[in-house]
Amino acid sequence: MAEQFSYTMTLFRPPCGEFSEQMLANVQLMGYKTLFWSFAYKDWDKDGGIGAEAALEKTTGALHDGAIYLLHAVSPDNAAMLGDFIDTARQQGYEFYLPV
């Protein structure tokens, strides 16, 4: 990332949420902060979509303080509803930021 995009990564999300104590310790030693999510749904299967409207309902229905959403870019439903999700969350008083 640093070489290709001049961006220094600081966060790590364990794939599939699978981790061990050793892995968490190694990630910390490498200077990364490990993050898990508080919301996810089966959106990684690009052929198993639920439709943008249902995805929007599902995601906005789970809004809560401190929420960390795991949304996969391969989902056309997520791409279609993301702008509306952000607008809805902001209308409800939520803000978006990177954890420190």
PDB file of N, CA and C in Angstrom:
ATOM      1  N   MET A   1       0.834  -1.191   0.000  1.00  0.00           N
ATOM      2  CA  MET A   1       0.000   0.000   0.000  1.00  0.00           C
ATOM      3  C   MET A   1       0.875   1.249   0.000  1.00  0.00           C
ATOM      4  N   ALA A   2       1.928   1.240   0.794  1.00  0.00           N
ATOM      5  CA  ALA A   2       2.773   2.426   0.866  1.00  0.00           C
ATOM      6  C   ALA A   2       3.471   2.678  -0.467  1.00  0.00           C
ATOM      7  N   GLU A   3       3.999   1.614  -1.066  1.00  0.00           N
ATOM      8  CA  GLU A   3       4.708   1.774  -2.343  1.00  0.00           C
ATOM      9  C   GLU A   3       3.771   2.155  -3.481  1.00  0.00           C
ATOM     10  N   GLN A   4       2.650   1.493  -3.583  1.00  0.00           N
ATOM     11  CA  GLN A   4       1.746   1.687  -4.706  1.00  0.00           C
ATOM     12  C   GLN A   4       0.841   2.910  -4.577  1.00  0.00           C
ATOM     13  N   PHE A   5       0.435   3.224  -3.329  1.00  0.00           N
ATOM     14  CA  PHE A   5      -0.578   4.263  -3.144  1.00  0.00           C
ATOM     15  C   PHE A   5      -0.175   5.362  -2.161  1.00  0.00           C
ATOM     16  N   SER A   6       1.052   5.303  -1.662  1.00  0.00           N
ATOM     17  CA  SER A   6       1.537   6.291  -0.683  1.00  0.00           C
ATOM     18  C   SER A   6       0.600   6.400   0.518  1.00  0.00           C
ATOM     19  N   TYR A   7       0.112   5.250   0.966  1.00  0.00           N
ATOM     20  CA  TYR A   7      -0.805   5.205   2.106  1.00  0.00           C
ATOM     21  C   TYR A   7      -0.262   4.218   3.123  1.00  0.00           C
ATOM     22  N   THR A   8      -0.102   4.671   4.348  1.00  0.00           N
ATOM     23  CA  THR A   8       0.388   3.795   5.408  1.00  0.00           C
ATOM     24  C   THR A   8      -0.804   3.188   6.135  1.00  0.00           C
ATOM     25  N   MET A   9      -0.873   1.879   6.109  1.00  0.00           N
ATOM     26  CA  MET A   9      -1.979   1.187   6.768  1.00  0.00           C
ATOM     27  C   MET A   9      -1.721   1.103   8.269  1.00  0.00           C
ATOM     28  N   THR A  10      -2.781   1.281   9.047  1.00  0.00           N
ATOM     29  CA  THR A  10      -2.663   1.218  10.503  1.00  0.00           C
ATOM     30  C   THR A  10      -3.666   0.250  11.127  1.00  0.00           C
ATOM     31  N   LEU A  11      -4.650  -0.206  10.340  1.00  0.00           N
ATOM     32  CA  LEU A  11      -5.719  -1.056  10.860  1.00  0.00           C
ATOM     33  C   LEU A  11      -5.648  -2.443  10.233  1.00  0.00           C
ATOM     34  N   PHE A  12      -6.067  -3.449  10.998  1.00  0.00           N
ATOM     35  CA  PHE A  12      -6.089  -4.833  10.522  1.00  0.00           C
ATOM     36  C   PHE A  12      -7.424  -5.458  10.895  1.00  0.00           C
ATOM     37  N   ARG A  13      -8.079  -6.083   9.904  1.00  0.00           N
ATOM     38  CA  ARG A  13      -9.302  -6.837  10.140  1.00  0.00           C
ATOM     39  C   ARG A  13      -9.014  -8.289   9.838  1.00  0.00           C
ATOM     40  N   PRO A  14      -9.110  -9.157  10.841  1.00  0.00           N
ATOM     41  CA  PRO A  14      -8.864 -10.573  10.584  1.00  0.00           C
ATOM     42  C   PRO A  14      -9.859 -11.124   9.563  1.00  0.00           C
ATOM     43  N   PRO A  15      -9.366 -11.749   8.505  1.00  0.00           N
ATOM     44  CA  PRO A  15     -10.269 -12.336   7.513  1.00  0.00           C
ATOM     45  C   PRO A  15     -11.233 -13.330   8.165  1.00  0.00           C
ATOM     46  N   CYS A  16     -12.489 -13.198   7.820  1.00  0.00           N
ATOM     47  CA  CYS A  16     -13.561 -14.050   8.365  1.00  0.00           C
ATOM     48  C   CYS A  16     -13.713 -13.905   9.875  1.00  0.00           C
ATOM     49  N   GLY A  17     -13.039 -12.941  10.475  1.00  0.00           N
ATOM     50  CA  GLY A  17     -13.106 -12.758  11.920  1.00  0.00           C
ATOM     51  C   GLY A  17     -12.352 -13.811  12.705  1.00  0.00           C
ATOM     52  N   GLU A  18     -11.541 -14.604  12.018  1.00  0.00           N
ATOM     53  CA  GLU A  18     -10.806 -15.687  12.669  1.00  0.00           C
ATOM     54  C   GLU A  18      -9.452 -15.167  13.145  1.00  0.00           C
ATOM     55  N   PHE A  19      -9.113 -15.487  14.388  1.00  0.00           N
ATOM     56  CA  PHE A  19      -7.868 -14.989  14.955  1.00  0.00           C
ATOM     57  C   PHE A  19      -7.401 -15.918  16.064  1.00  0.00           C
ATOM     58  N   SER A  20      -6.162 -15.732  16.440  1.00  0.00           N
ATOM     59  CA  SER A  20      -5.597 -16.418  17.599  1.00  0.00           C
ATOM     60  C   SER A  20      -4.905 -15.360  18.456  1.00  0.00           C
ATOM     61  N   GLU A  21      -4.604 -15.698  19.680  1.00  0.00           N
ATOM     62  CA  GLU A  21      -3.895 -14.769  20.559  1.00  0.00           C
ATOM     63  C   GLU A  21      -2.537 -14.415  19.962  1.00  0.00           C
ATOM     64  N   GLN A  22      -1.856 -15.415  19.384  1.00  0.00           N
ATOM     65  CA  GLN A  22      -0.549 -15.166  18.773  1.00  0.00           C
ATOM     66  C   GLN A  22      -0.668 -14.188  17.603  1.00  0.00           C
ATOM     67  N   MET A  23      -1.678 -14.383  16.769  1.00  0.00           N
ATOM     68  CA  MET A  23      -1.864 -13.492  15.629  1.00  0.00           C
ATOM     69  C   MET A  23      -2.132 -12.071  16.103  1.00  0.00           C
ATOM     70  N   LEU A  24      -2.991 -11.892  17.102  1.00  0.00           N
ATOM     71  CA  LEU A  24      -3.292 -10.562  17.617  1.00  0.00           C
ATOM     72  C   LEU A  24      -2.042  -9.894  18.178  1.00  0.00           C
ATOM     73  N   ALA A  25      -1.209 -10.677  18.877  1.00  0.00           N
ATOM     74  CA  ALA A  25       0.032 -10.135  19.426  1.00  0.00           C
ATOM     75  C   ALA A  25       0.989  -9.728  18.305  1.00  0.00           C
ATOM     76  N   ASN A  26       1.105 -10.549  17.270  1.00  0.00           N
ATOM     77  CA  ASN A  26       1.989 -10.222  16.151  1.00  0.00           C
ATOM     78  C   ASN A  26       1.510  -8.981  15.408  1.00  0.00           C
ATOM     79  N   VAL A  27       0.225  -8.873  15.196  1.00  0.00           N
ATOM     80  CA  VAL A  27      -0.334  -7.704  14.516  1.00  0.00           C
ATOM     81  C   VAL A  27      -0.028  -6.440  15.325  1.00  0.00           C
ATOM     82  N   GLN A  28      -0.172  -6.538  16.643  1.00  0.00           N
ATOM     83  CA  GLN A  28       0.126  -5.386  17.497  1.00  0.00           C
ATOM     84  C   GLN A  28       1.612  -5.033  17.434  1.00  0.00           C
ATOM     85  N   LEU A  29       2.489  -6.042  17.462  1.00  0.00           N
ATOM     86  CA  LEU A  29       3.927  -5.797  17.365  1.00  0.00           C
ATOM     87  C   LEU A  29       4.306  -5.115  16.054  1.00  0.00           C
ATOM     88  N   MET A  30       3.533  -5.383  15.009  1.00  0.00           N
ATOM     89  CA  MET A  30       3.790  -4.768  13.703  1.00  0.00           C
ATOM     90  C   MET A  30       3.240  -3.349  13.628  1.00  0.00           C
ATOM     91  N   GLY A  31       2.573  -2.891  14.697  1.00  0.00           N
ATOM     92  CA  GLY A  31       2.094  -1.517  14.754  1.00  0.00           C
ATOM     93  C   GLY A  31       0.675  -1.305  14.260  1.00  0.00           C
ATOM     94  N   TYR A  32      -0.063  -2.398  14.047  1.00  0.00           N
ATOM     95  CA  TYR A  32      -1.438  -2.278  13.581  1.00  0.00           C
ATOM     96  C   TYR A  32      -2.408  -2.359  14.756  1.00  0.00           C
ATOM     97  N   LYS A  33      -3.560  -1.727  14.571  1.00  0.00           N
ATOM     98  CA  LYS A  33      -4.658  -1.871  15.519  1.00  0.00           C
ATOM     99  C   LYS A  33      -5.654  -2.843  14.896  1.00  0.00           C
ATOM    100  N   THR A  34      -6.042  -3.862  15.642  1.00  0.00           N
ATOM    101  CA  THR A  34      -7.002  -4.847  15.152  1.00  0.00           C
ATOM    102  C   THR A  34      -8.417  -4.342  15.384  1.00  0.00           C
ATOM    103  N   LEU A  35      -9.238  -4.449  14.350  1.00  0.00           N
ATOM    104  CA  LEU A  35     -10.642  -4.040  14.438  1.00  0.00           C
ATOM    105  C   LEU A  35     -11.543  -5.201  14.041  1.00  0.00           C
ATOM    106  N   PHE A  36     -12.626  -5.333  14.759  1.00  0.00           N
ATOM    107  CA  PHE A  36     -13.670  -6.283  14.406  1.00  0.00           C
ATOM    108  C   PHE A  36     -14.915  -5.475  14.076  1.00  0.00           C
ATOM    109  N   TRP A  37     -15.922  -6.115  13.581  1.00  0.00           N
ATOM    110  CA  TRP A  37     -17.122  -5.416  13.166  1.00  0.00           C
ATOM    111  C   TRP A  37     -18.274  -5.763  14.087  1.00  0.00           C
ATOM    112  N   SER A  38     -19.263  -4.874  14.090  1.00  0.00           N
ATOM    113  CA  SER A  38     -20.458  -5.122  14.891  1.00  0.00           C
ATOM    114  C   SER A  38     -21.668  -5.416  14.002  1.00  0.00           C
ATOM    115  N   PHE A  39     -21.479  -5.278  12.679  1.00  0.00           N
ATOM    116  CA  PHE A  39     -22.560  -5.598  11.749  1.00  0.00           C
ATOM    117  C   PHE A  39     -21.972  -6.209  10.486  1.00  0.00           C
ATOM    118  N   ALA A  40     -22.563  -7.296  10.057  1.00  0.00           N
ATOM    119  CA  ALA A  40     -22.217  -7.925   8.781  1.00  0.00           C
ATOM    120  C   ALA A  40     -23.418  -8.740   8.331  1.00  0.00           C
ATOM    121  N   TYR A  41     -23.509  -8.947   7.047  1.00  0.00           N
ATOM    122  CA  TYR A  41     -24.516  -9.852   6.511  1.00  0.00           C
ATOM    123  C   TYR A  41     -23.918 -10.542   5.293  1.00  0.00           C
ATOM    124  N   LYS A  42     -24.586 -11.524   4.785  1.00  0.00           N
ATOM    125  CA  LYS A  42     -24.018 -12.339   3.706  1.00  0.00           C
ATOM    126  C   LYS A  42     -24.025 -11.556   2.389  1.00  0.00           C
ATOM    127  N   ASP A  43     -23.072 -10.629   2.290  1.00  0.00           N
ATOM    128  CA  ASP A  43     -22.982  -9.792   1.100  1.00  0.00           C
ATOM    129  C   ASP A  43     -21.740 -10.115   0.265  1.00  0.00           C
ATOM    130  N   TRP A  44     -20.976 -11.100   0.679  1.00  0.00           N
ATOM    131  CA  TRP A  44     -19.760 -11.470  -0.060  1.00  0.00           C
ATOM    132  C   TRP A  44     -20.049 -12.333  -1.285  1.00  0.00           C
ATOM    133  N   ASP A  45     -21.236 -12.904  -1.356  1.00  0.00           N
ATOM    134  CA  ASP A  45     -21.629 -13.717  -2.507  1.00  0.00           C
ATOM    135  C   ASP A  45     -22.322 -12.816  -3.514  1.00  0.00           C
ATOM    136  N   LYS A  46     -21.583 -12.408  -4.546  1.00  0.00           N
ATOM    137  CA  LYS A  46     -22.132 -11.434  -5.501  1.00  0.00           C
ATOM    138  C   LYS A  46     -23.329 -11.964  -6.271  1.00  0.00           C
ATOM    139  N   ASP A  47     -23.528 -13.286  -6.284  1.00  0.00           N
ATOM    140  CA  ASP A  47     -24.678 -13.876  -6.970  1.00  0.00           C
ATOM    141  C   ASP A  47     -25.861 -14.118  -6.031  1.00  0.00           C
ATOM    142  N   GLY A  48     -25.667 -13.861  -4.744  1.00  0.00           N
ATOM    143  CA  GLY A  48     -26.721 -14.142  -3.764  1.00  0.00           C
ATOM    144  C   GLY A  48     -27.293 -12.884  -3.156  1.00  0.00           C
ATOM    145  N   GLY A  49     -27.410 -11.832  -3.935  1.00  0.00           N
ATOM    146  CA  GLY A  49     -27.878 -10.554  -3.418  1.00  0.00           C
ATOM    147  C   GLY A  49     -29.315 -10.587  -2.947  1.00  0.00           C
ATOM    148  N   ILE A  50     -29.655  -9.573  -2.154  1.00  0.00           N
ATOM    149  CA  ILE A  50     -31.020  -9.460  -1.625  1.00  0.00           C
ATOM    150  C   ILE A  50     -31.733  -8.247  -2.206  1.00  0.00           C
ATOM    151  N   GLY A  51     -31.027  -7.486  -3.040  1.00  0.00           N
ATOM    152  CA  GLY A  51     -31.589  -6.269  -3.616  1.00  0.00           C
ATOM    153  C   GLY A  51     -31.167  -5.052  -2.812  1.00  0.00           C
ATOM    154  N   ALA A  52     -30.980  -3.938  -3.498  1.00  0.00           N
ATOM    155  CA  ALA A  52     -30.493  -2.722  -2.849  1.00  0.00           C
ATOM    156  C   ALA A  52     -31.446  -2.222  -1.767  1.00  0.00           C
ATOM    157  N   GLU A  53     -32.747  -2.302  -2.017  1.00  0.00           N
ATOM    158  CA  GLU A  53     -33.725  -1.815  -1.032  1.00  0.00           C
ATOM    159  C   GLU A  53     -33.660  -2.643   0.256  1.00  0.00           C
ATOM    160  N   ALA A  54     -33.586  -3.958   0.122  1.00  0.00           N
ATOM    161  CA  ALA A  54     -33.497  -4.825   1.303  1.00  0.00           C
ATOM    162  C   ALA A  54     -32.167  -4.629   2.022  1.00  0.00           C
ATOM    163  N   ALA A  55     -31.098  -4.436   1.251  1.00  0.00           N
ATOM    164  CA  ALA A  55     -29.789  -4.187   1.865  1.00  0.00           C
ATOM    165  C   ALA A  55     -29.807  -2.882   2.649  1.00  0.00           C
ATOM    166  N   LEU A  56     -30.435  -1.861   2.101  1.00  0.00           N
ATOM    167  CA  LEU A  56     -30.545  -0.577   2.798  1.00  0.00           C
ATOM    168  C   LEU A  56     -31.341  -0.736   4.086  1.00  0.00           C
ATOM    169  N   GLU A  57     -32.449  -1.449   4.018  1.00  0.00           N
ATOM    170  CA  GLU A  57     -33.265  -1.676   5.208  1.00  0.00           C
ATOM    171  C   GLU A  57     -32.486  -2.445   6.276  1.00  0.00           C
ATOM    172  N   LYS A  58     -31.763  -3.457   5.842  1.00  0.00           N
ATOM    173  CA  LYS A  58     -30.981  -4.282   6.771  1.00  0.00           C
ATOM    174  C   LYS A  58     -29.888  -3.463   7.445  1.00  0.00           C
ATOM    175  N   THR A  59     -29.176  -2.652   6.668  1.00  0.00           N
ATOM    176  CA  THR A  59     -28.060  -1.891   7.222  1.00  0.00           C
ATOM    177  C   THR A  59     -28.529  -0.720   8.085  1.00  0.00           C
ATOM    178  N   THR A  60     -29.531   0.008   7.634  1.00  0.00           N
ATOM    179  CA  THR A  60     -30.007   1.139   8.440  1.00  0.00           C
ATOM    180  C   THR A  60     -30.730   0.658   9.695  1.00  0.00           C
ATOM    181  N   GLY A  61     -31.326  -0.508   9.621  1.00  0.00           N
ATOM    182  CA  GLY A  61     -31.999  -1.073  10.791  1.00  0.00           C
ATOM    183  C   GLY A  61     -31.051  -1.500  11.891  1.00  0.00           C
ATOM    184  N   ALA A  62     -29.782  -1.608  11.570  1.00  0.00           N
ATOM    185  CA  ALA A  62     -28.794  -2.040  12.565  1.00  0.00           C
ATOM    186  C   ALA A  62     -27.920  -0.894  13.065  1.00  0.00           C
ATOM    187  N   LEU A  63     -28.241   0.333  12.681  1.00  0.00           N
ATOM    188  CA  LEU A  63     -27.439   1.472  13.141  1.00  0.00           C
ATOM    189  C   LEU A  63     -27.440   1.542  14.663  1.00  0.00           C
ATOM    190  N   HIS A  64     -26.270   1.777  15.231  1.00  0.00           N
ATOM    191  CA  HIS A  64     -26.137   1.968  16.672  1.00  0.00           C
ATOM    192  C   HIS A  64     -24.830   2.716  16.944  1.00  0.00           C
ATOM    193  N   ASP A  65     -24.753   3.345  18.094  1.00  0.00           N
ATOM    194  CA  ASP A  65     -23.541   4.071  18.461  1.00  0.00           C
ATOM    195  C   ASP A  65     -22.345   3.133  18.456  1.00  0.00           C
ATOM    196  N   GLY A  66     -21.266   3.574  17.828  1.00  0.00           N
ATOM    197  CA  GLY A  66     -20.044   2.788  17.776  1.00  0.00           C
ATOM    198  C   GLY A  66     -20.047   1.687  16.737  1.00  0.00           C
ATOM    199  N   ALA A  67     -21.050   1.651  15.883  1.00  0.00           N
ATOM    200  CA  ALA A  67     -21.161   0.578  14.886  1.00  0.00           C
ATOM    201  C   ALA A  67     -19.945   0.549  13.962  1.00  0.00           C
ATOM    202  N   ILE A  68     -19.501  -0.641  13.679  1.00  0.00           N
ATOM    203  CA  ILE A  68     -18.468  -0.863  12.669  1.00  0.00           C
ATOM    204  C   ILE A  68     -19.063  -1.847  11.678  1.00  0.00           C
ATOM    205  N   TYR A  69     -19.278  -1.364  10.473  1.00  0.00           N
ATOM    206  CA  TYR A  69     -19.922  -2.160   9.434  1.00  0.00           C
ATOM    207  C   TYR A  69     -18.892  -2.877   8.585  1.00  0.00           C
ATOM    208  N   LEU A  70     -19.163  -4.133   8.279  1.00  0.00           N
ATOM    209  CA  LEU A  70     -18.368  -4.892   7.318  1.00  0.00           C
ATOM    210  C   LEU A  70     -19.238  -5.056   6.076  1.00  0.00           C
ATOM    211  N   LEU A  71     -18.892  -4.316   5.030  1.00  0.00           N
ATOM    212  CA  LEU A  71     -19.613  -4.388   3.761  1.00  0.00           C
ATOM    213  C   LEU A  71     -18.611  -4.735   2.672  1.00  0.00           C
ATOM    214  N   HIS A  72     -18.943  -5.708   1.859  1.00  0.00           N
ATOM    215  CA  HIS A  72     -18.027  -6.172   0.819  1.00  0.00           C
ATOM    216  C   HIS A  72     -18.274  -5.452  -0.501  1.00  0.00           C
ATOM    217  N   ALA A  73     -17.189  -5.056  -1.141  1.00  0.00           N
ATOM    218  CA  ALA A  73     -17.254  -4.289  -2.386  1.00  0.00           C
ATOM    219  C   ALA A  73     -17.779  -5.113  -3.558  1.00  0.00           C
ATOM    220  N   VAL A  74     -17.775  -6.433  -3.461  1.00  0.00           N
ATOM    221  CA  VAL A  74     -18.256  -7.263  -4.573  1.00  0.00           C
ATOM    222  C   VAL A  74     -19.780  -7.269  -4.666  1.00  0.00           C
ATOM    223  N   SER A  75     -20.453  -6.745  -3.679  1.00  0.00           N
ATOM    224  CA  SER A  75     -21.911  -6.755  -3.651  1.00  0.00           C
ATOM    225  C   SER A  75     -22.479  -5.585  -4.451  1.00  0.00           C
ATOM    226  N   PRO A  76     -23.180  -5.875  -5.552  1.00  0.00           N
ATOM    227  CA  PRO A  76     -23.829  -4.779  -6.275  1.00  0.00           C
ATOM    228  C   PRO A  76     -24.906  -4.098  -5.433  1.00  0.00           C
ATOM    229  N   ASP A  77     -25.516  -4.831  -4.514  1.00  0.00           N
ATOM    230  CA  ASP A  77     -26.518  -4.239  -3.619  1.00  0.00           C
ATOM    231  C   ASP A  77     -25.881  -3.150  -2.757  1.00  0.00           C
ATOM    232  N   ASN A  78     -24.689  -3.438  -2.212  1.00  0.00           N
ATOM    233  CA  ASN A  78     -24.008  -2.449  -1.383  1.00  0.00           C
ATOM    234  C   ASN A  78     -23.653  -1.211  -2.195  1.00  0.00           C
ATOM    235  N   ALA A  79     -23.160  -1.415  -3.400  1.00  0.00           N
ATOM    236  CA  ALA A  79     -22.793  -0.280  -4.254  1.00  0.00           C
ATOM    237  C   ALA A  79     -24.014   0.588  -4.542  1.00  0.00           C
ATOM    238  N   ALA A  80     -25.153  -0.051  -4.767  1.00  0.00           N
ATOM    239  CA  ALA A  80     -26.363   0.683  -5.118  1.00  0.00           C
ATOM    240  C   ALA A  80     -26.952   1.449  -3.934  1.00  0.00           C
ATOM    241  N   MET A  81     -26.794   0.922  -2.727  1.00  0.00           N
ATOM    242  CA  MET A  81     -27.469   1.545  -1.584  1.00  0.00           C
ATOM    243  C   MET A  81     -26.535   2.369  -0.715  1.00  0.00           C
ATOM    244  N   LEU A  82     -25.232   2.338  -0.950  1.00  0.00           N
ATOM    245  CA  LEU A  82     -24.285   2.960  -0.031  1.00  0.00           C
ATOM    246  C   LEU A  82     -24.539   4.455   0.178  1.00  0.00           C
ATOM    247  N   GLY A  83     -24.775   5.187  -0.885  1.00  0.00           N
ATOM    248  CA  GLY A  83     -25.060   6.617  -0.743  1.00  0.00           C
ATOM    249  C   GLY A  83     -26.278   6.877   0.118  1.00  0.00           C
ATOM    250  N   ASP A  84     -27.338   6.100  -0.098  1.00  0.00           N
ATOM    251  CA  ASP A  84     -28.558   6.254   0.708  1.00  0.00           C
ATOM    252  C   ASP A  84     -28.310   5.850   2.160  1.00  0.00           C
ATOM    253  N   PHE A  85     -27.505   4.823   2.365  1.00  0.00           N
ATOM    254  CA  PHE A  85     -27.158   4.409   3.728  1.00  0.00           C
ATOM    255  C   PHE A  85     -26.446   5.543   4.458  1.00  0.00           C
ATOM    256  N   ILE A  86     -25.450   6.128   3.813  1.00  0.00           N
ATOM    257  CA  ILE A  86     -24.701   7.224   4.433  1.00  0.00           C
ATOM    258  C   ILE A  86     -25.619   8.402   4.732  1.00  0.00           C
ATOM    259  N   ASP A  87     -26.461   8.765   3.767  1.00  0.00           N
ATOM    260  CA  ASP A  87     -27.401   9.874   3.978  1.00  0.00           C
ATOM    261  C   ASP A  87     -28.346   9.591   5.140  1.00  0.00           C
ATOM    262  N   THR A  88     -28.884   8.381   5.203  1.00  0.00           N
ATOM    263  CA  THR A  88     -29.814   8.009   6.272  1.00  0.00           C
ATOM    264  C   THR A  88     -29.126   8.052   7.629  1.00  0.00           C
ATOM    265  N   ALA A  89     -27.923   7.501   7.695  1.00  0.00           N
ATOM    266  CA  ALA A  89     -27.188   7.501   8.965  1.00  0.00           C
ATOM    267  C   ALA A  89     -26.918   8.932   9.425  1.00  0.00           C
ATOM    268  N   ARG A  90     -26.499   9.783   8.513  1.00  0.00           N
ATOM    269  CA  ARG A  90     -26.223  11.179   8.883  1.00  0.00           C
ATOM    270  C   ARG A  90     -27.508  11.895   9.314  1.00  0.00           C
ATOM    271  N   GLN A  91     -28.629  11.614   8.636  1.00  0.00           N
ATOM    272  CA  GLN A  91     -29.903  12.225   9.016  1.00  0.00           C
ATOM    273  C   GLN A  91     -30.317  11.816  10.427  1.00  0.00           C
ATOM    274  N   GLN A  92     -29.893  10.618  10.838  1.00  0.00           N
ATOM    275  CA  GLN A  92     -30.208  10.130  12.180  1.00  0.00           C
ATOM    276  C   GLN A  92     -29.184  10.595  13.219  1.00  0.00           C
ATOM    277  N   GLY A  93     -28.225  11.418  12.784  1.00  0.00           N
ATOM    278  CA  GLY A  93     -27.257  11.993  13.716  1.00  0.00           C
ATOM    279  C   GLY A  93     -25.953  11.242  13.854  1.00  0.00           C
ATOM    280  N   TYR A  94     -25.752  10.206  13.059  1.00  0.00           N
ATOM    281  CA  TYR A  94     -24.502   9.454  13.120  1.00  0.00           C
ATOM    282  C   TYR A  94     -23.425  10.148  12.298  1.00  0.00           C
ATOM    283  N   GLU A  95     -22.177   9.973  12.722  1.00  0.00           N
ATOM    284  CA  GLU A  95     -21.029  10.504  12.010  1.00  0.00           C
ATOM    285  C   GLU A  95     -20.110   9.355  11.630  1.00  0.00           C
ATOM    286  N   PHE A  96     -19.332   9.551  10.590  1.00  0.00           N
ATOM    287  CA  PHE A  96     -18.383   8.544  10.130  1.00  0.00           C
ATOM    288  C   PHE A  96     -16.975   9.027  10.418  1.00  0.00           C
ATOM    289  N   TYR A  97     -16.153   8.134  10.958  1.00  0.00           N
ATOM    290  CA  TYR A  97     -14.760   8.479  11.226  1.00  0.00           C
ATOM    291  C   TYR A  97     -13.936   7.210  11.323  1.00  0.00           C
ATOM    292  N   LEU A  98     -12.627   7.362  11.154  1.00  0.00           N
ATOM    293  CA  LEU A  98     -11.714   6.247  11.339  1.00  0.00           C
ATOM    294  C   LEU A  98     -11.342   6.163  12.809  1.00  0.00           C
ATOM    295  N   PRO A  99     -11.357   4.973  13.376  1.00  0.00           N
ATOM    296  CA  PRO A  99     -10.949   4.830  14.780  1.00  0.00           C
ATOM    297  C   PRO A  99      -9.468   5.152  14.929  1.00  0.00           C
ATOM    298  N   VAL A 100      -9.111   5.659  16.072  1.00  0.00           N
ATOM    299  CA  VAL A 100      -7.694   5.984  16.346  1.00  0.00           C
ATOM    300  C   VAL A 100      -7.094   4.997  17.291  1.00  0.00           C
TER     301      VAL A 100
END
